[in-house]
Amino acid sequence: MASAHSNCHHCMGSLCGRQYARKEENTYCVRCYDSLFANFCEECKKPIECDSKDLAYKGCHWHEACFKCAKCNHSLVEKPFAAKDDHLLCTECYSNEYSSKCFHCKRTIMPGSRKMEFKGNCWHEACFVCQHCQQPLGTKPLITKDNDNYCVPCFEKQFAQCCYSCKKVITTGGVTYHDQPWHKECFLCTGCHQQLAGQRIVSKDEHPYCLECFSRCYEKKCVACSRPITGLGGAKFISFEDRQWHSNCFNCGKCSSSLLHCTVLKAIRDLRHCLAELIRLHRIWPQGTK
């Protein structure tokens, strides 16, 4: 504004007929005002004179002509913008540079728009749909297969197997036995009904058994210790006169020495006797040994 009287508060020069600026009830000529109070533009580093528009953001100042997007140089005056690493960006450049990309359509998810996140990926709300029925998934339960998302009913119809025992859908995990799928919770020993997942299994008439139940129900028993003879893991056993022994149980019934390598054996009153005991106790002489 032009003054009809008074002097500049700083240089004391007359303001009569000259433009001046006022600060804290004091008047200054334009030159003094700019040198004392003008802010410096963040872009061009020149003072923003009192006859120029001063645009401020977070303590920083710009000439109106310098207030532009750091990426595309378009003016940001009266437009939405964002700041990143001390640079101003229009919303389009900011989105292209820093915003998430939709996992489905690969386009930018614009700031302020709703996005859906799942397992480290992002979707536009409209893109986050069931691969089969194309209905929005929102916050509903879902199952992922081959990077595609499905609502639970569609996944069960398309892919899920049904448990051989309970006939219900297997959604996670499961066990395969004789080419049939089972829930781990349904795959039980036919004998004791304990879960078999992770255990060694023996099959009998198409039914699964744990080793203990199978041995108790079906394995032959050792004549000496009465425990089952499994034959698993390469274990050896002896069959003699229609009876069976663990190899380490097949010993002389009198002197307890092993009979594994004896060539002459005889059973007397259900006892196995080595050759030495036969000779000593019963005077039995195998042919050619007397």
C-alpha atoms as a PDB file:
ATOM      1  CA  MET A   1       0.000   0.000   0.000  1.00  0.00           C
ATOM      2  CA  ALA A   2       1.077   3.607  -0.496  1.00  0.00           C
ATOM      3  CA  SER A   3       1.638   5.888   2.440  1.00  0.00           C
ATOM      4  CA  ALA A   4       0.829   9.584   2.575  1.00  0.00           C
ATOM      5  CA  HIS A   5       3.087  10.211   5.563  1.00  0.00           C
ATOM      6  CA  SER A   6       5.388   8.648   8.154  1.00  0.00           C
ATOM      7  CA  ASN A   7       8.823   7.146   7.814  1.00  0.00           C
ATOM      8  CA  CYS A   8      10.230   3.612   7.478  1.00  0.00           C
ATOM      9  CA  HIS A   9      10.739   2.151  10.934  1.00  0.00           C
ATOM     10  CA  HIS A  10      14.139   0.734   9.893  1.00  0.00           C
ATOM     11  CA  CYS A  11      15.861   3.195   7.524  1.00  0.00           C
ATOM     12  CA  MET A  12      13.778   6.199   8.616  1.00  0.00           C
ATOM     13  CA  GLY A  13      13.282   7.108   4.974  1.00  0.00           C
ATOM     14  CA  SER A  14      10.083   8.906   4.094  1.00  0.00           C
ATOM     15  CA  LEU A  15       7.195   6.697   3.031  1.00  0.00           C
ATOM     16  CA  CYS A  16       5.310   9.565   1.479  1.00  0.00           C
ATOM     17  CA  GLY A  17       3.868   8.342  -1.822  1.00  0.00           C
ATOM     18  CA  ARG A  18       5.800   5.072  -1.524  1.00  0.00           C
ATOM     19  CA  GLN A  19       4.653   1.507  -1.016  1.00  0.00           C
ATOM     20  CA  TYR A  20       5.191   0.103   2.415  1.00  0.00           C
ATOM     21  CA  ALA A  21       4.465  -2.966   4.525  1.00  0.00           C
ATOM     22  CA  ARG A  22       3.357  -3.228   8.124  1.00  0.00           C
ATOM     23  CA  LYS A  23       4.639  -5.657  10.760  1.00  0.00           C
ATOM     24  CA  GLU A  24       3.834  -5.547  14.475  1.00  0.00           C
ATOM     25  CA  GLU A  25       2.309  -2.088  14.198  1.00  0.00           C
ATOM     26  CA  ASN A  26       5.423  -0.739  12.495  1.00  0.00           C
ATOM     27  CA  THR A  27       5.705   0.359   8.895  1.00  0.00           C
ATOM     28  CA  TYR A  28       8.601  -0.400   6.578  1.00  0.00           C
ATOM     29  CA  CYS A  29       9.576   0.482   3.090  1.00  0.00           C
ATOM     30  CA  VAL A  30       9.421  -2.534   0.777  1.00  0.00           C
ATOM     31  CA  ARG A  31      13.196  -2.869   0.530  1.00  0.00           C
ATOM     32  CA  CYS A  32      13.686  -2.889   4.299  1.00  0.00           C
ATOM     33  CA  TYR A  33      10.751  -5.186   4.866  1.00  0.00           C
ATOM     34  CA  ASP A  34      12.061  -7.784   2.367  1.00  0.00           C
ATOM     35  CA  SER A  35      15.595  -7.664   3.747  1.00  0.00           C
ATOM     36  CA  LEU A  36      14.387  -8.007   7.331  1.00  0.00           C
ATOM     37  CA  PHE A  37      11.422 -10.353   7.167  1.00  0.00           C
ATOM     38  CA  ALA A  38      11.129 -12.119   3.800  1.00  0.00           C
ATOM     39  CA  ASN A  39      11.217 -15.944   3.855  1.00  0.00           C
ATOM     40  CA  PHE A  40      13.467 -17.787   1.450  1.00  0.00           C
ATOM     41  CA  CYS A  41      11.964 -20.136  -1.099  1.00  0.00           C
ATOM     42  CA  GLU A  42      12.832 -23.842  -0.596  1.00  0.00           C
ATOM     43  CA  GLU A  43      13.044 -24.325  -4.352  1.00  0.00           C
ATOM     44  CA  CYS A  44      14.931 -21.321  -5.769  1.00  0.00           C
ATOM     45  CA  LYS A  45      16.502 -20.122  -2.485  1.00  0.00           C
ATOM     46  CA  LYS A  46      15.531 -16.509  -3.260  1.00  0.00           C
ATOM     47  CA  PRO A  47      13.563 -14.282  -0.881  1.00  0.00           C
ATOM     48  CA  ILE A  48       9.806 -14.254  -1.208  1.00  0.00           C
ATOM     49  CA  GLU A  49       9.192 -10.526  -1.488  1.00  0.00           C
ATOM     50  CA  CYS A  50       6.227  -8.849   0.103  1.00  0.00           C
ATOM     51  CA  ASP A  51       4.501  -8.376  -3.252  1.00  0.00           C
ATOM     52  CA  SER A  52       4.720 -12.161  -3.934  1.00  0.00           C
ATOM     53  CA  LYS A  53       2.489 -14.893  -2.546  1.00  0.00           C
ATOM     54  CA  ASP A  54       4.192 -16.935   0.174  1.00  0.00           C
ATOM     55  CA  LEU A  55       3.075 -20.603   0.346  1.00  0.00           C
ATOM     56  CA  ALA A  56       4.065 -22.442   3.529  1.00  0.00           C
ATOM     57  CA  TYR A  57       4.068 -26.134   4.530  1.00  0.00           C
ATOM     58  CA  LYS A  58       5.539 -27.535   7.758  1.00  0.00           C
ATOM     59  CA  GLY A  59       7.704 -24.479   8.378  1.00  0.00           C
ATOM     60  CA  CYS A  60       9.007 -24.260   4.818  1.00  0.00           C
ATOM     61  CA  HIS A  61       8.132 -21.585   2.242  1.00  0.00           C
ATOM     62  CA  TRP A  62       7.788 -21.393  -1.537  1.00  0.00           C
ATOM     63  CA  HIS A  63       7.053 -18.845  -4.223  1.00  0.00           C
ATOM     64  CA  GLU A  64       3.729 -19.670  -5.794  1.00  0.00           C
ATOM     65  CA  ALA A  65       5.504 -20.429  -9.091  1.00  0.00           C
ATOM     66  CA  CYS A  66       8.004 -22.720  -7.306  1.00  0.00           C
ATOM     67  CA  PHE A  67       5.386 -24.779  -5.476  1.00  0.00           C
ATOM     68  CA  LYS A  68       5.509 -27.772  -7.875  1.00  0.00           C
ATOM     69  CA  CYS A  69       5.650 -31.574  -7.875  1.00  0.00           C
ATOM     70  CA  ALA A  70       9.273 -32.715  -7.643  1.00  0.00           C
ATOM     71  CA  LYS A  71       8.562 -35.506 -10.120  1.00  0.00           C
ATOM     72  CA  CYS A  72       6.361 -34.083 -12.894  1.00  0.00           C
ATOM     73  CA  ASN A  73       6.842 -30.312 -12.213  1.00  0.00           C
ATOM     74  CA  HIS A  74       3.111 -29.646 -12.291  1.00  0.00           C
ATOM     75  CA  SER A  75       1.883 -26.912  -9.975  1.00  0.00           C
ATOM     76  CA  LEU A  76       0.612 -28.029  -6.582  1.00  0.00           C
ATOM     77  CA  VAL A  77      -1.212 -24.775  -5.833  1.00  0.00           C
ATOM     78  CA  GLU A  78      -4.672 -25.601  -4.466  1.00  0.00           C
ATOM     79  CA  LYS A  79      -4.140 -29.302  -5.248  1.00  0.00           C
ATOM     80  CA  PRO A  80      -3.674 -32.287  -2.918  1.00  0.00           C
ATOM     81  CA  PHE A  81      -0.077 -33.375  -2.488  1.00  0.00           C
ATOM     82  CA  ALA A  82       2.142 -35.565  -0.328  1.00  0.00           C
ATOM     83  CA  ALA A  83       5.657 -35.180   1.062  1.00  0.00           C
ATOM     84  CA  LYS A  84       8.364 -37.850   0.825  1.00  0.00           C
ATOM     85  CA  ASP A  85      11.996 -37.362   1.907  1.00  0.00           C
ATOM     86  CA  ASP A  86      11.555 -33.552   1.968  1.00  0.00           C
ATOM     87  CA  HIS A  87      10.126 -33.539  -1.564  1.00  0.00           C
ATOM     88  CA  LEU A  88       6.593 -32.554  -2.543  1.00  0.00           C
ATOM     89  CA  LEU A  89       4.731 -34.848  -4.927  1.00  0.00           C
ATOM     90  CA  CYS A  90       1.324 -34.726  -6.535  1.00  0.00           C
ATOM     91  CA  THR A  91      -0.910 -37.649  -5.528  1.00  0.00           C
ATOM     92  CA  GLU A  92      -0.473 -39.379  -8.881  1.00  0.00           C
ATOM     93  CA  CYS A  93       3.336 -39.315  -8.764  1.00  0.00           C
ATOM     94  CA  TYR A  94       3.356 -40.296  -5.109  1.00  0.00           C
ATOM     95  CA  SER A  95       1.102 -43.263  -5.812  1.00  0.00           C
ATOM     96  CA  ASN A  96       3.131 -44.420  -8.790  1.00  0.00           C
ATOM     97  CA  GLU A  97       6.349 -44.127  -6.822  1.00  0.00           C
ATOM     98  CA  TYR A  98       5.444 -45.294  -3.328  1.00  0.00           C
ATOM     99  CA  SER A  99       1.923 -46.675  -3.058  1.00  0.00           C
ATOM    100  CA  SER A 100       1.099 -50.382  -3.009  1.00  0.00           C
ATOM    101  CA  LYS A 101       0.254 -52.193  -6.227  1.00  0.00           C
ATOM    102  CA  CYS A 102      -2.807 -54.412  -6.445  1.00  0.00           C
ATOM    103  CA  PHE A 103      -1.798 -58.087  -6.548  1.00  0.00           C
ATOM    104  CA  HIS A 104      -4.633 -58.791  -8.993  1.00  0.00           C
ATOM    105  CA  CYS A 105      -4.683 -55.918 -11.520  1.00  0.00           C
ATOM    106  CA  LYS A 106      -1.124 -54.625 -10.826  1.00  0.00           C
ATOM    107  CA  ARG A 107      -2.396 -51.028 -10.709  1.00  0.00           C
ATOM    108  CA  THR A 108      -1.630 -48.522  -7.978  1.00  0.00           C
ATOM    109  CA  ILE A 109      -3.829 -48.450  -4.905  1.00  0.00           C
ATOM    110  CA  MET A 110      -4.394 -44.711  -4.540  1.00  0.00           C
ATOM    111  CA  PRO A 111      -3.958 -43.036  -1.141  1.00  0.00           C
ATOM    112  CA  GLY A 112      -7.249 -42.765   0.688  1.00  0.00           C
ATOM    113  CA  SER A 113      -8.823 -45.705  -1.119  1.00  0.00           C
ATOM    114  CA  ARG A 114      -9.565 -48.871   0.798  1.00  0.00           C
ATOM    115  CA  LYS A 115      -7.117 -51.718   0.317  1.00  0.00           C
ATOM    116  CA  MET A 116      -7.276 -55.344   1.426  1.00  0.00           C
ATOM    117  CA  GLU A 117      -4.156 -57.061   2.763  1.00  0.00           C
ATOM    118  CA  PHE A 118      -3.538 -60.814   3.000  1.00  0.00           C
ATOM    119  CA  LYS A 119      -0.286 -62.747   3.421  1.00  0.00           C
ATOM    120  CA  GLY A 120       1.868 -59.728   2.593  1.00  0.00           C
ATOM    121  CA  ASN A 121      -0.004 -58.749  -0.595  1.00  0.00           C
ATOM    122  CA  CYS A 122      -2.485 -55.932  -1.266  1.00  0.00           C
ATOM    123  CA  TRP A 123      -5.639 -55.678  -3.375  1.00  0.00           C
ATOM    124  CA  HIS A 124      -8.129 -53.018  -4.367  1.00  0.00           C
ATOM    125  CA  GLU A 125     -11.288 -53.798  -2.463  1.00  0.00           C
ATOM    126  CA  ALA A 126     -13.055 -54.473  -5.778  1.00  0.00           C
ATOM    127  CA  CYS A 127     -10.269 -56.862  -6.884  1.00  0.00           C
ATOM    128  CA  PHE A 128     -10.294 -58.933  -3.703  1.00  0.00           C
ATOM    129  CA  VAL A 129     -12.840 -61.515  -4.851  1.00  0.00           C
ATOM    130  CA  CYS A 130     -13.258 -65.289  -4.948  1.00  0.00           C
ATOM    131  CA  GLN A 131     -11.551 -66.709  -8.031  1.00  0.00           C
ATOM    132  CA  HIS A 132     -14.519 -68.988  -8.726  1.00  0.00           C
ATOM    133  CA  CYS A 133     -17.732 -67.104  -7.896  1.00  0.00           C
ATOM    134  CA  GLN A 134     -16.211 -63.580  -8.192  1.00  0.00           C
ATOM    135  CA  GLN A 135     -18.011 -62.443  -5.051  1.00  0.00           C
ATOM    136  CA  PRO A 136     -16.181 -59.971  -2.750  1.00  0.00           C
ATOM    137  CA  LEU A 137     -14.201 -61.718  -0.034  1.00  0.00           C
ATOM    138  CA  GLY A 138     -13.953 -58.750   2.319  1.00  0.00           C
ATOM    139  CA  THR A 139     -13.154 -60.158   5.755  1.00  0.00           C
ATOM    140  CA  LYS A 140     -14.719 -63.576   5.107  1.00  0.00           C
ATOM    141  CA  PRO A 141     -12.694 -66.765   5.696  1.00  0.00           C
ATOM    142  CA  LEU A 142     -10.774 -67.749   2.569  1.00  0.00           C
ATOM    143  CA  ILE A 143      -8.385 -70.414   1.269  1.00  0.00           C
ATOM    144  CA  THR A 144      -5.495 -69.777  -1.159  1.00  0.00           C
ATOM    145  CA  LYS A 145      -4.511 -72.199  -3.923  1.00  0.00           C
ATOM    146  CA  ASP A 146      -1.917 -71.453  -6.639  1.00  0.00           C
ATOM    147  CA  ASN A 147      -1.933 -67.720  -5.666  1.00  0.00           C
ATOM    148  CA  ASP A 148      -5.706 -67.505  -6.149  1.00  0.00           C
ATOM    149  CA  ASN A 149      -8.146 -66.840  -3.317  1.00  0.00           C
ATOM    150  CA  TYR A 150     -11.385 -68.758  -2.852  1.00  0.00           C
ATOM    151  CA  CYS A 151     -14.272 -68.458  -0.459  1.00  0.00           C
ATOM    152  CA  VAL A 152     -14.607 -71.609   1.645  1.00  0.00           C
ATOM    153  CA  PRO A 153     -17.746 -73.002  -0.100  1.00  0.00           C
ATOM    154  CA  CYS A 154     -16.188 -72.632  -3.575  1.00  0.00           C
ATOM    155  CA  PHE A 155     -12.891 -74.158  -2.494  1.00  0.00           C
ATOM    156  CA  GLU A 156     -14.649 -77.158  -0.995  1.00  0.00           C
ATOM    157  CA  LYS A 157     -16.667 -77.704  -4.167  1.00  0.00           C
ATOM    158  CA  GLN A 158     -13.683 -77.305  -6.466  1.00  0.00           C
ATOM    159  CA  PHE A 159     -10.747 -78.888  -4.672  1.00  0.00           C
ATOM    160  CA  ALA A 160     -11.306 -80.261  -1.204  1.00  0.00           C
ATOM    161  CA  GLN A 161     -11.177 -83.994  -0.480  1.00  0.00           C
ATOM    162  CA  CYS A 162     -13.553 -85.683   1.910  1.00  0.00           C
ATOM    163  CA  CYS A 163     -12.350 -87.817   4.781  1.00  0.00           C
ATOM    164  CA  TYR A 164     -12.806 -91.556   4.143  1.00  0.00           C
ATOM    165  CA  SER A 165     -13.992 -91.986   7.722  1.00  0.00           C
ATOM    166  CA  CYS A 166     -16.284 -89.047   8.569  1.00  0.00           C
ATOM    167  CA  LYS A 167     -17.012 -87.929   4.968  1.00  0.00           C
ATOM    168  CA  LYS A 168     -16.381 -84.284   5.899  1.00  0.00           C
ATOM    169  CA  VAL A 169     -14.106 -81.931   3.957  1.00  0.00           C
ATOM    170  CA  ILE A 170     -10.378 -81.946   4.739  1.00  0.00           C
ATOM    171  CA  THR A 171      -9.320 -78.279   4.752  1.00  0.00           C
ATOM    172  CA  THR A 172      -5.764 -78.608   6.112  1.00  0.00           C
ATOM    173  CA  GLY A 173      -3.266 -81.422   6.520  1.00  0.00           C
ATOM    174  CA  GLY A 174      -4.679 -84.907   6.344  1.00  0.00           C
ATOM    175  CA  VAL A 175      -3.345 -88.441   5.882  1.00  0.00           C
ATOM    176  CA  THR A 176      -3.443 -90.761   2.871  1.00  0.00           C
ATOM    177  CA  TYR A 177      -3.904 -94.480   3.569  1.00  0.00           C
ATOM    178  CA  HIS A 178      -4.538 -97.025   0.813  1.00  0.00           C
ATOM    179  CA  ASP A 179      -5.075 -94.092  -1.589  1.00  0.00           C
ATOM    180  CA  GLN A 180      -7.865 -92.693   0.592  1.00  0.00           C
ATOM    181  CA  PRO A 181      -7.752 -89.288   2.375  1.00  0.00           C
ATOM    182  CA  TRP A 182      -8.354 -89.060   6.120  1.00  0.00           C
ATOM    183  CA  HIS A 183      -8.399 -86.319   8.717  1.00  0.00           C
ATOM    184  CA  LYS A 184      -5.470 -86.861  11.078  1.00  0.00           C
ATOM    185  CA  GLU A 185      -8.018 -86.930  13.889  1.00  0.00           C
ATOM    186  CA  CYS A 186      -9.996 -89.684  12.129  1.00  0.00           C
ATOM    187  CA  PHE A 187      -7.063 -91.922  11.215  1.00  0.00           C
ATOM    188  CA  LEU A 188      -7.151 -94.204  14.268  1.00  0.00           C
ATOM    189  CA  CYS A 189      -5.881 -97.634  15.216  1.00  0.00           C
ATOM    190  CA  THR A 190      -8.595-100.260  14.722  1.00  0.00           C
ATOM    191  CA  GLY A 191      -7.631-101.782  18.060  1.00  0.00           C
ATOM    192  CA  CYS A 192      -6.983 -98.992  20.581  1.00  0.00           C
ATOM    193  CA  HIS A 193      -8.483 -96.053  18.628  1.00  0.00           C
ATOM    194  CA  GLN A 194      -5.419 -93.854  19.170  1.00  0.00           C
ATOM    195  CA  GLN A 195      -4.265 -91.507  16.378  1.00  0.00           C
ATOM    196  CA  LEU A 196      -1.872 -93.175  13.953  1.00  0.00           C
ATOM    197  CA  ALA A 197      -0.466 -90.080  12.212  1.00  0.00           C
ATOM    198  CA  GLY A 198       3.325 -90.150  12.518  1.00  0.00           C
ATOM    199  CA  GLN A 199       3.451 -93.741  13.805  1.00  0.00           C
ATOM    200  CA  ARG A 200       4.462 -97.004  12.157  1.00  0.00           C
ATOM    201  CA  ILE A 201       1.380 -98.746  10.836  1.00  0.00           C
ATOM    202  CA  VAL A 202       0.540-102.373  10.097  1.00  0.00           C
ATOM    203  CA  SER A 203      -2.409-103.275   7.888  1.00  0.00           C
ATOM    204  CA  LYS A 204      -4.644-106.280   8.476  1.00  0.00           C
ATOM    205  CA  ASP A 205      -7.652-106.956   6.228  1.00  0.00           C
ATOM    206  CA  GLU A 206      -7.420-103.339   4.981  1.00  0.00           C
ATOM    207  CA  HIS A 207      -7.643-102.014   8.553  1.00  0.00           C
ATOM    208  CA  PRO A 208      -4.803 -99.982  10.124  1.00  0.00           C
ATOM    209  CA  TYR A 209      -3.261-100.993  13.439  1.00  0.00           C
ATOM    210  CA  CYS A 210      -0.530 -99.603  15.628  1.00  0.00           C
ATOM    211  CA  LEU A 211       2.343-102.054  16.183  1.00  0.00           C
ATOM    212  CA  GLU A 212       1.295-102.803  19.737  1.00  0.00           C
ATOM    213  CA  CYS A 213      -2.285-103.713  18.857  1.00  0.00           C
ATOM    214  CA  PHE A 214      -1.290-105.710  15.797  1.00  0.00           C
ATOM    215  CA  SER A 215       1.280-107.654  17.787  1.00  0.00           C
ATOM    216  CA  ARG A 216      -1.166-108.339  20.592  1.00  0.00           C
ATOM    217  CA  CYS A 217      -3.952-109.458  18.271  1.00  0.00           C
ATOM    218  CA  TYR A 218      -2.215-111.224  15.395  1.00  0.00           C
ATOM    219  CA  GLU A 219       1.490-111.888  15.918  1.00  0.00           C
ATOM    220  CA  LYS A 220       2.712-115.311  17.026  1.00  0.00           C
ATOM    221  CA  LYS A 221       4.026-115.468  20.570  1.00  0.00           C
ATOM    222  CA  CYS A 222       7.481-116.583  21.623  1.00  0.00           C
ATOM    223  CA  VAL A 223       7.290-119.901  23.519  1.00  0.00           C
ATOM    224  CA  ALA A 224       9.967-118.705  25.951  1.00  0.00           C
ATOM    225  CA  CYS A 225       8.932-115.124  26.846  1.00  0.00           C
ATOM    226  CA  SER A 226       5.316-115.094  25.549  1.00  0.00           C
ATOM    227  CA  ARG A 227       5.907-111.771  23.811  1.00  0.00           C
ATOM    228  CA  PRO A 228       4.845-111.209  20.172  1.00  0.00           C
ATOM    229  CA  ILE A 229       7.254-112.063  17.386  1.00  0.00           C
ATOM    230  CA  THR A 230       6.918-109.138  14.966  1.00  0.00           C
ATOM    231  CA  GLY A 231       9.652-109.875  12.463  1.00  0.00           C
ATOM    232  CA  LEU A 232       9.857-106.095  11.814  1.00  0.00           C
ATOM    233  CA  GLY A 233      13.131-104.299  11.256  1.00  0.00           C
ATOM    234  CA  GLY A 234      14.898-107.456  10.091  1.00  0.00           C
ATOM    235  CA  ALA A 235      14.466-109.211  13.446  1.00  0.00           C
ATOM    236  CA  LYS A 236      15.114-112.968  13.274  1.00  0.00           C
ATOM    237  CA  PHE A 237      13.014-115.706  14.825  1.00  0.00           C
ATOM    238  CA  ILE A 238      13.234-119.501  15.055  1.00  0.00           C
ATOM    239  CA  SER A 239      10.549-122.023  14.179  1.00  0.00           C
ATOM    240  CA  PHE A 240      10.973-125.510  15.717  1.00  0.00           C
ATOM    241  CA  GLU A 241       8.358-128.263  15.867  1.00  0.00           C
ATOM    242  CA  ASP A 242       5.550-125.814  14.888  1.00  0.00           C
ATOM    243  CA  ARG A 243       6.461-123.319  17.582  1.00  0.00           C
ATOM    244  CA  GLN A 244       8.318-120.002  17.407  1.00  0.00           C
ATOM    245  CA  TRP A 245      11.008-118.243  19.441  1.00  0.00           C
ATOM    246  CA  HIS A 246      12.827-114.953  19.317  1.00  0.00           C
ATOM    247  CA  SER A 247      16.367-115.774  18.237  1.00  0.00           C
ATOM    248  CA  ASN A 248      17.740-114.598  21.584  1.00  0.00           C
ATOM    249  CA  CYS A 249      15.158-116.721  23.433  1.00  0.00           C
ATOM    250  CA  PHE A 250      16.018-119.965  21.607  1.00  0.00           C
ATOM    251  CA  ASN A 251      18.217-121.434  24.329  1.00  0.00           C
ATOM    252  CA  CYS A 252      18.758-124.819  25.932  1.00  0.00           C
ATOM    253  CA  GLY A 253      16.058-125.446  28.509  1.00  0.00           C
ATOM    254  CA  LYS A 254      18.587-126.940  30.899  1.00  0.00           C
ATOM    255  CA  CYS A 255      21.870-125.022  30.622  1.00  0.00           C
ATOM    256  CA  SER A 256      20.494-121.872  28.853  1.00  0.00           C
ATOM    257  CA  SER A 257      23.172-121.925  26.147  1.00  0.00           C
ATOM    258  CA  SER A 258      22.054-120.729  22.698  1.00  0.00           C
ATOM    259  CA  LEU A 259      20.707-123.396  20.342  1.00  0.00           C
ATOM    260  CA  LEU A 260      20.983-121.258  17.206  1.00  0.00           C
ATOM    261  CA  HIS A 261      23.952-123.163  15.829  1.00  0.00           C
ATOM    262  CA  CYS A 262      23.239-126.625  17.236  1.00  0.00           C
ATOM    263  CA  THR A 263      22.799-129.398  14.674  1.00  0.00           C
ATOM    264  CA  VAL A 264      21.114-131.899  17.025  1.00  0.00           C
ATOM    265  CA  LEU A 265      18.005-130.885  18.961  1.00  0.00           C
ATOM    266  CA  LYS A 266      15.306-132.825  20.717  1.00  0.00           C
ATOM    267  CA  ALA A 267      12.242-131.768  22.674  1.00  0.00           C
ATOM    268  CA  ILE A 268      11.638-133.654  25.922  1.00  0.00           C
ATOM    269  CA  ARG A 269       8.683-132.573  28.088  1.00  0.00           C
ATOM    270  CA  ASP A 270       8.477-129.271  26.141  1.00  0.00           C
ATOM    271  CA  LEU A 271      12.136-128.434  26.888  1.00  0.00           C
ATOM    272  CA  ARG A 272      14.772-127.873  24.219  1.00  0.00           C
ATOM    273  CA  HIS A 273      18.034-129.614  24.953  1.00  0.00           C
ATOM    274  CA  CYS A 274      21.415-129.092  23.459  1.00  0.00           C
ATOM    275  CA  LEU A 275      23.516-132.124  22.479  1.00  0.00           C
ATOM    276  CA  ALA A 276      25.595-132.028  25.686  1.00  0.00           C
ATOM    277  CA  GLU A 277      22.482-132.152  27.882  1.00  0.00           C
ATOM    278  CA  LEU A 278      20.943-134.967  25.826  1.00  0.00           C
ATOM    279  CA  ILE A 279      24.079-137.074  26.334  1.00  0.00           C
ATOM    280  CA  ARG A 280      24.455-136.220  30.026  1.00  0.00           C
ATOM    281  CA  LEU A 281      20.837-136.566  31.116  1.00  0.00           C
ATOM    282  CA  HIS A 282      19.387-139.239  28.881  1.00  0.00           C
ATOM    283  CA  ARG A 283      22.320-141.124  27.371  1.00  0.00           C
ATOM    284  CA  ILE A 284      20.996-140.279  23.932  1.00  0.00           C
ATOM    285  CA  TRP A 285      23.761-140.669  21.378  1.00  0.00           C
ATOM    286  CA  PRO A 286      23.112-139.300  17.927  1.00  0.00           C
ATOM    287  CA  GLN A 287      24.201-141.634  15.208  1.00  0.00           C
ATOM    288  CA  GLY A 288      27.967-141.393  14.538  1.00  0.00           C
ATOM    289  CA  THR A 289      28.787-139.552  17.804  1.00  0.00           C
ATOM    290  CA  LYS A 290      29.325-142.498  20.203  1.00  0.00           C
END
